Each structure stands twice: as structure tokens, then as C-alpha cells.
C-alpha atoms as a PDB file:
ATOM      1  CA  UNK A   1     -64.499 -90.392  21.288  1.00  0.00           C
ATOM      2  CA  UNK A   2     -64.456 -92.239  18.131  1.00  0.00           C
ATOM      3  CA  UNK A   3     -62.866 -91.492  14.885  1.00  0.00           C
ATOM      4  CA  UNK A   4     -64.816 -89.752  12.074  1.00  0.00           C
ATOM      5  CA  UNK A   5     -64.708 -89.299   8.350  1.00  0.00           C
ATOM      6  CA  UNK A   6     -63.958 -85.702   7.356  1.00  0.00           C
ATOM      7  CA  UNK A   7     -62.925 -85.664   3.679  1.00  0.00           C
ATOM      8  CA  UNK A   8     -61.102 -87.552   0.952  1.00  0.00           C
ATOM      9  CA  UNK A   9     -57.803 -86.412   0.058  1.00  0.00           C
ATOM     10  CA  UNK A  10     -57.051 -86.355  -4.087  1.00  0.00           C
ATOM     11  CA  UNK A  11     -53.884 -86.038  -5.598  1.00  0.00           C
ATOM     12  CA  UNK A  12     -53.984 -84.119  -8.883  1.00  0.00           C
ATOM     13  CA  UNK A  13     -52.108 -81.615 -11.419  1.00  0.00           C
ATOM     14  CA  UNK A  14     -54.771 -79.076 -11.789  1.00  0.00           C
ATOM     15  CA  UNK A  15     -56.663 -78.621  -8.366  1.00  0.00           C
ATOM     16  CA  UNK A  16     -58.906 -76.297  -9.596  1.00  0.00           C
ATOM     17  CA  UNK A  17     -60.693 -78.596 -12.776  1.00  0.00           C
ATOM     18  CA  UNK A  18     -60.414 -81.438 -10.480  1.00  0.00           C
ATOM     19  CA  UNK A  19     -62.575 -79.415  -7.601  1.00  0.00           C
ATOM     20  CA  UNK A  20     -64.947 -78.018 -10.498  1.00  0.00           C
ATOM     21  CA  UNK A  21     -65.563 -81.144 -11.738  1.00  0.00           C
ATOM     22  CA  UNK A  22     -66.642 -82.704  -8.875  1.00  0.00           C
ATOM     23  CA  UNK A  23     -68.740 -79.820  -7.423  1.00  0.00           C
ATOM     24  CA  UNK A  24     -70.281 -79.973 -10.562  1.00  0.00           C
ATOM     25  CA  UNK A  25     -70.984 -84.251  -9.889  1.00  0.00           C
ATOM     26  CA  UNK A  26     -72.407 -82.882  -6.367  1.00  0.00           C
ATOM     27  CA  UNK A  27     -74.087 -80.791  -7.865  1.00  0.00           C
ATOM     28  CA  UNK A  28     -72.411 -77.906  -5.357  1.00  0.00           C
ATOM     29  CA  UNK A  29     -69.804 -75.324  -5.377  1.00  0.00           C
ATOM     30  CA  UNK A  30     -66.258 -75.666  -5.060  1.00  0.00           C
ATOM     31  CA  UNK A  31     -65.430 -74.154  -1.463  1.00  0.00           C
ATOM     32  CA  UNK A  32     -64.190 -70.691  -0.747  1.00  0.00           C
ATOM     33  CA  UNK A  33     -60.515 -70.293   0.057  1.00  0.00           C
ATOM     34  CA  UNK A  34     -58.884 -72.398  -2.203  1.00  0.00           C
ATOM     35  CA  UNK A  35     -56.047 -71.766  -4.432  1.00  0.00           C
ATOM     36  CA  UNK A  36     -53.594 -73.342  -7.134  1.00  0.00           C
ATOM     37  CA  UNK A  37     -52.571 -75.811  -4.575  1.00  0.00           C
ATOM     38  CA  UNK A  38     -55.938 -76.363  -2.626  1.00  0.00           C
ATOM     39  CA  UNK A  39     -59.349 -76.556  -3.111  1.00  0.00           C
ATOM     40  CA  UNK A  40     -62.178 -78.374  -1.068  1.00  0.00           C
ATOM     41  CA  UNK A  41     -65.812 -79.453  -1.887  1.00  0.00           C
ATOM     42  CA  UNK A  42     -68.871 -79.923   0.390  1.00  0.00           C
ATOM     43  CA  UNK A  43     -66.483 -78.542   3.669  1.00  0.00           C
ATOM     44  CA  UNK A  44     -70.010 -76.995   4.972  1.00  0.00           C
ATOM     45  CA  UNK A  45     -72.444 -79.684   4.466  1.00  0.00           C
ATOM     46  CA  UNK A  46     -73.958 -82.555   6.217  1.00  0.00           C
ATOM     47  CA  UNK A  47     -74.322 -85.557   5.833  1.00  0.00           C
ATOM     48  CA  UNK A  48     -71.446 -86.359   3.731  1.00  0.00           C
ATOM     49  CA  UNK A  49     -67.171 -85.968   4.092  1.00  0.00           C
ATOM     50  CA  UNK A  50     -65.938 -83.492   1.659  1.00  0.00           C
ATOM     51  CA  UNK A  51     -63.703 -83.516  -0.943  1.00  0.00           C
ATOM     52  CA  UNK A  52     -60.189 -82.049  -0.324  1.00  0.00           C
ATOM     53  CA  UNK A  53     -57.988 -81.533  -4.277  1.00  0.00           C
ATOM     54  CA  UNK A  54     -54.052 -81.243  -3.151  1.00  0.00           C
ATOM     55  CA  UNK A  55     -51.949 -80.255  -6.153  1.00  0.00           C
ATOM     56  CA  UNK A  56     -48.789 -82.763  -6.260  1.00  0.00           C
ATOM     57  CA  UNK A  57     -46.033 -83.037  -8.772  1.00  0.00           C
ATOM     58  CA  UNK A  58     -45.908 -86.950  -9.577  1.00  0.00           C
ATOM     59  CA  UNK A  59     -48.143 -88.133 -12.138  1.00  0.00           C
ATOM     60  CA  UNK A  60     -50.620 -91.379 -11.035  1.00  0.00           C
ATOM     61  CA  UNK A  61     -49.074 -94.720 -10.969  1.00  0.00           C
ATOM     62  CA  UNK A  62     -50.308 -97.923 -11.724  1.00  0.00           C
ATOM     63  CA  UNK A  63     -53.807 -98.591 -13.769  1.00  0.00           C
ATOM     64  CA  UNK A  64     -56.542 -99.069 -11.046  1.00  0.00           C
ATOM     65  CA  UNK A  65     -56.969 -96.998  -8.064  1.00  0.00           C
ATOM     66  CA  UNK A  66     -56.546 -98.314  -4.986  1.00  0.00           C
ATOM     67  CA  UNK A  67     -59.587 -96.247  -3.747  1.00  0.00           C
ATOM     68  CA  UNK A  68     -62.387 -95.059  -5.345  1.00  0.00           C
ATOM     69  CA  UNK A  69     -65.845 -93.768  -4.697  1.00  0.00           C
ATOM     70  CA  UNK A  70     -69.065 -95.856  -5.246  1.00  0.00           C
ATOM     71  CA  UNK A  71     -71.868 -93.429  -5.847  1.00  0.00           C
ATOM     72  CA  UNK A  72     -75.846 -94.150  -6.925  1.00  0.00           C
ATOM     73  CA  UNK A  73     -78.279 -92.587  -8.599  1.00  0.00           C
ATOM     74  CA  UNK A  74     -82.019 -92.994  -9.092  1.00  0.00           C
ATOM     75  CA  UNK A  75     -81.816 -91.428 -12.489  1.00  0.00           C
ATOM     76  CA  UNK A  76     -78.630 -93.489 -13.434  1.00  0.00           C
ATOM     77  CA  UNK A  77     -79.279 -93.219 -17.352  1.00  0.00           C
ATOM     78  CA  UNK A  78     -79.266 -89.208 -17.123  1.00  0.00           C
ATOM     79  CA  UNK A  79     -76.703 -89.197 -14.294  1.00  0.00           C
ATOM     80  CA  UNK A  80     -74.295 -91.395 -16.350  1.00  0.00           C
ATOM     81  CA  UNK A  81     -74.947 -88.604 -19.406  1.00  0.00           C
ATOM     82  CA  UNK A  82     -74.877 -85.765 -17.239  1.00  0.00           C
ATOM     83  CA  UNK A  83     -70.999 -87.283 -15.886  1.00  0.00           C
ATOM     84  CA  UNK A  84     -70.184 -87.778 -19.145  1.00  0.00           C
ATOM     85  CA  UNK A  85     -70.839 -84.008 -20.440  1.00  0.00           C
ATOM     86  CA  UNK A  86     -69.028 -82.925 -17.665  1.00  0.00           C
ATOM     87  CA  UNK A  87     -65.773 -84.455 -19.033  1.00  0.00           C
ATOM     88  CA  UNK A  88     -66.291 -88.328 -17.375  1.00  0.00           C
ATOM     89  CA  UNK A  89     -64.786 -91.115 -19.438  1.00  0.00           C
ATOM     90  CA  UNK A  90     -66.905 -94.532 -19.567  1.00  0.00           C
ATOM     91  CA  UNK A  91     -64.825 -97.332 -18.670  1.00  0.00           C
ATOM     92  CA  UNK A  92     -66.721-100.191 -18.335  1.00  0.00           C
ATOM     93  CA  UNK A  93     -70.688-101.106 -17.368  1.00  0.00           C
ATOM     94  CA  UNK A  94     -71.308-104.485 -14.974  1.00  0.00           C
ATOM     95  CA  UNK A  95     -74.374-106.053 -13.226  1.00  0.00           C
ATOM     96  CA  UNK A  96     -73.233-108.403 -10.682  1.00  0.00           C
ATOM     97  CA  UNK A  97     -74.011-109.435  -7.237  1.00  0.00           C
ATOM     98  CA  UNK A  98     -77.421-107.868  -8.070  1.00  0.00           C
ATOM     99  CA  UNK A  99     -76.311-104.555  -8.799  1.00  0.00           C
ATOM    100  CA  UNK A 100     -75.950-102.716 -12.096  1.00  0.00           C
ATOM    101  CA  UNK A 101     -72.990-100.006 -12.122  1.00  0.00           C
ATOM    102  CA  UNK A 102     -71.111 -97.498 -14.838  1.00  0.00           C
ATOM    103  CA  UNK A 103     -67.274 -97.302 -13.859  1.00  0.00           C
ATOM    104  CA  UNK A 104     -66.236 -93.920 -15.240  1.00  0.00           C
ATOM    105  CA  UNK A 105     -63.124 -92.101 -14.971  1.00  0.00           C
ATOM    106  CA  UNK A 106     -62.533 -88.361 -13.730  1.00  0.00           C
ATOM    107  CA  UNK A 107     -60.743 -85.385 -16.341  1.00  0.00           C
ATOM    108  CA  UNK A 108     -57.479 -86.711 -14.638  1.00  0.00           C
ATOM    109  CA  UNK A 109     -58.209 -90.771 -14.331  1.00  0.00           C
ATOM    110  CA  UNK A 110     -59.059 -91.405 -11.379  1.00  0.00           C
ATOM    111  CA  UNK A 111     -62.003 -94.255 -11.405  1.00  0.00           C
ATOM    112  CA  UNK A 112     -65.098 -94.128  -9.798  1.00  0.00           C
ATOM    113  CA  UNK A 113     -68.188 -96.207 -10.095  1.00  0.00           C
ATOM    114  CA  UNK A 114     -72.500 -94.917 -10.259  1.00  0.00           C
ATOM    115  CA  UNK A 115     -74.280 -97.498  -9.337  1.00  0.00           C
ATOM    116  CA  UNK A 116     -78.586 -97.851  -9.780  1.00  0.00           C
ATOM    117  CA  UNK A 117     -80.225 -97.310  -6.915  1.00  0.00           C
ATOM    118  CA  UNK A 118     -83.554 -98.216  -6.632  1.00  0.00           C
END
């Protein structure tokens, strides 16, 4: 059997806040059964992996994530504003390789990109 992509694990300090932020990003709910140590988003969804948030005592090290999410939006400007209103922070904006995107940081500083999809 092939290996499948089940979920993206995110280490964080505040599991519930991070899960709530990302649930709002994807316009869904935090899955039932979570607690202060672990929560998931999109566990039962089809067509994409879930996100799992795990409480860890360590603070992030370094300046940039080695792995980050690349998201797309057909209503890019409105979604950038929506994500910033949810607590994301604008980091930088780029147009390269025929793609326009913005790098944002979630409430705990994890960077992710939102590209303008056509």
C-alpha cells in the first residue's frame, strides 16, 4: 500500500488558540475531542490532510520555518484582509515565477503563504 498524507503536525504553546485560528482560516470548526495538549482541524474532511496541534514546551528556534503551507485564493485581497483580521501578521509580498503571493505569520509566528489563484 502507498504512503498517504494524513495530517500536518504543528508544535505550539497554545493548542486551542492555534487550532481555532486555523479552523477559521479554512472556514471550518475545531474537531471534537481536543484538549489543552492536542487538537485537530479537518480530521474527517475529504480532499485534504488534517492539521494536528500539539503542545510543546520549547519555543521555536530560528527565524524561518523549514516547512510551511502554501495556500491559494481566488478572492486574494479579501482573504488576506480576513486572515489579518483573524490574527495573521503580514510579513512580505512577492510576485515571482508568474505568481503573486503574500507571506503571513500565524499568531505564534509560523509563516505561511497565500497565493493569488486564477
